[in-house]
Protein backbone atom coordinates (compact mmCIF):
# COMPACT_ATOMS: atom_id res chain seq x y z
CA MET A 1 37.18 -56.81 -35.85
CA VAL A 2 35.15 -55.71 -32.90
CA ASP A 3 35.74 -57.51 -29.55
CA VAL A 4 32.27 -58.50 -28.46
CA ASN A 5 33.40 -59.75 -24.96
CA THR A 6 34.90 -56.35 -24.16
CA LEU A 7 31.77 -54.49 -25.24
CA LYS A 8 29.74 -56.93 -23.04
CA GLU A 9 31.96 -56.31 -20.20
CA LEU A 10 31.68 -52.60 -20.70
CA ALA A 11 27.90 -52.83 -20.70
CA ARG A 12 27.95 -54.87 -17.57
CA LEU A 13 30.09 -52.35 -15.77
CA ARG A 14 27.85 -49.63 -16.87
CA ASP A 15 24.64 -51.51 -15.79
CA SER A 16 26.32 -52.16 -12.36
CA GLY A 17 27.03 -48.50 -11.75
CA VAL A 18 30.88 -48.85 -12.07
CA LEU A 19 31.05 -46.68 -15.41
CA SER A 20 28.93 -43.73 -16.11
CA GLU A 21 27.08 -43.44 -19.35
CA ALA A 22 29.54 -41.07 -20.77
CA GLU A 23 32.52 -43.17 -19.66
CA TYR A 24 30.88 -46.22 -21.33
CA GLU A 25 30.22 -44.40 -24.63
CA ASN A 26 33.87 -43.18 -24.67
CA GLU A 27 35.29 -46.69 -24.12
CA LYS A 28 32.92 -48.02 -26.75
CA LYS A 29 34.06 -45.43 -29.30
CA LYS A 30 37.57 -46.48 -28.65
CA ILE A 31 36.89 -50.10 -29.15
CA LEU A 32 34.82 -49.48 -32.24
CA ASN A 33 37.49 -47.01 -33.69
CA THR A 34 34.89 -44.38 -34.37
CA ASP A 35 33.48 -41.10 -33.29
CA ASP A 36 30.05 -41.61 -34.68
CA SER A 37 27.62 -42.76 -32.13
CA THR A 38 25.08 -43.92 -34.61
CA VAL A 39 27.05 -46.81 -35.89
CA TYR A 40 25.68 -50.10 -34.94
CA PRO A 41 28.22 -52.92 -34.32
CA PHE A 42 25.62 -55.58 -34.39
CA PRO A 43 23.23 -54.89 -37.40
CA ASN A 44 20.67 -57.82 -36.52
CA GLN A 45 20.37 -56.65 -32.67
CA PRO A 46 17.81 -54.15 -31.24
CA VAL A 47 19.03 -50.72 -30.60
CA TYR A 48 18.33 -48.83 -27.28
CA GLY A 49 18.62 -45.45 -25.79
CA GLN A 50 19.62 -42.28 -27.92
CA GLN A 51 20.54 -44.55 -30.94
CA ALA A 52 17.08 -46.06 -30.83
CA GLN A 53 15.50 -42.54 -31.07
CA ASN A 54 17.63 -41.49 -34.02
CA HIS A 55 17.05 -44.96 -35.72
CA MET A 56 13.15 -44.95 -35.27
CA ARG A 57 12.37 -41.56 -36.54
CA PRO A 58 9.02 -41.52 -38.33
CA THR A 59 9.02 -40.85 -42.00
CA GLU A 60 7.25 -37.90 -43.61
CA GLN A 61 4.01 -38.68 -45.25
CA THR A 62 4.22 -35.74 -47.81
CA GLY A 63 2.05 -37.39 -50.59
CA LEU A 64 -0.88 -37.91 -47.93
CA ILE A 65 -0.50 -34.42 -46.69
CA VAL A 66 -0.60 -32.82 -50.21
CA ALA A 67 -3.47 -35.09 -51.13
CA SER A 68 -5.20 -33.98 -48.05
CA TYR A 69 -4.81 -30.29 -48.89
CA ILE A 70 -5.68 -30.81 -52.51
CA CYS A 71 -9.10 -32.36 -51.28
CA ALA A 72 -9.52 -29.49 -48.68
CA ALA A 73 -9.31 -26.88 -51.56
CA VAL A 74 -11.45 -28.81 -54.15
CA SER A 75 -14.14 -29.39 -51.37
CA LEU A 76 -14.77 -25.68 -51.06
CA LEU A 77 -16.33 -25.77 -54.43
CA PHE A 78 -17.20 -29.43 -55.35
CA CYS A 79 -18.65 -32.38 -53.38
CA PRO A 80 -17.54 -30.85 -49.99
CA LEU A 81 -18.86 -33.84 -48.01
CA ALA A 82 -17.09 -36.42 -49.82
CA LEU A 83 -13.84 -34.69 -50.47
CA GLY A 84 -13.84 -33.35 -46.94
CA ILE A 85 -14.03 -36.76 -45.63
CA ILE A 86 -11.46 -38.23 -47.79
CA GLY A 87 -9.00 -35.35 -46.90
CA MET A 88 -9.64 -35.77 -43.21
CA VAL A 89 -9.03 -39.59 -43.50
CA LEU A 90 -5.80 -38.90 -45.54
CA GLY A 91 -4.54 -36.30 -42.98
CA PHE A 92 -5.16 -38.34 -39.88
CA TYR A 93 -3.78 -41.45 -41.50
CA ALA A 94 -0.57 -39.56 -42.15
CA LYS A 95 -0.72 -38.51 -38.29
CA SER A 96 -1.01 -42.21 -37.35
CA GLN A 97 2.08 -42.92 -39.55
CA GLY A 98 4.23 -40.40 -37.50
CA ASP A 99 3.97 -37.29 -39.44
CA ASP A 100 2.55 -34.54 -37.04
CA ARG A 101 1.44 -32.37 -39.93
CA GLY A 102 -1.35 -34.73 -40.55
CA THR A 103 -3.47 -33.31 -37.74
CA LEU A 104 -3.39 -29.74 -39.14
CA ALA A 105 -4.33 -31.25 -42.51
CA GLY A 106 -7.34 -33.07 -41.10
CA ILE A 107 -8.49 -29.92 -39.38
CA VAL A 108 -8.02 -27.81 -42.45
CA CYS A 109 -10.23 -30.40 -44.44
CA LEU A 110 -12.85 -30.17 -41.89
CA ILE A 111 -13.09 -26.47 -41.92
CA CYS A 112 -13.08 -26.39 -45.86
CA MET A 113 -15.82 -29.05 -45.89
CA ILE A 114 -18.10 -26.96 -43.55
CA ILE A 115 -17.37 -23.86 -45.66
CA GLY A 116 -17.97 -25.77 -48.68
CA MET A 117 -21.36 -26.99 -47.49
CA PHE A 118 -22.32 -23.36 -46.50
CA VAL A 119 -21.32 -22.16 -49.78
CA GLY A 120 -23.44 -24.96 -51.53
CA MET A 121 -26.46 -24.06 -49.52
CA LEU A 122 -26.04 -20.36 -50.42
CA VAL A 123 -25.87 -21.19 -54.01
CA GLY A 124 -28.81 -23.57 -53.84
CA ILE A 125 -31.02 -20.88 -52.02
CA SER A 126 -30.12 -18.04 -54.51
CA MET A 127 -30.81 -20.37 -57.53
CA PHE A 128 -34.15 -21.47 -55.94
CA SER A 129 -35.34 -17.97 -55.23
CA GLU A 130 -34.37 -16.72 -58.69
CA GLY A 131 -36.65 -19.56 -60.10
CA TYR A 132 -34.08 -21.76 -61.86
């Protein structure tokens, strides 16, 4: 069983400057009988410092990214405005959820949407000039 009072005393000593962060971590590992610094002795308590960074990593939004790229590719030939906007929304939503790849996906959709609109104009002009 973990001695909570000892851990609190160690934290107090660290906070007051008596123990360095490294000394605190070493003593904490001895008390917890572990070498893994990602073990959380109190599961319902908030996590701080390096452990919080490991614990709060964003999840990848792979499905949103893939859907965004599919919209980008299809928008080159069909419904560029609608599919381009949908792809951008998906990409930037993935970015807002913590996946950095979402920015690139949104930009690719914007570029494909513009190219698709340009291709559509060229096809329309060529069909109009040939008399269809």
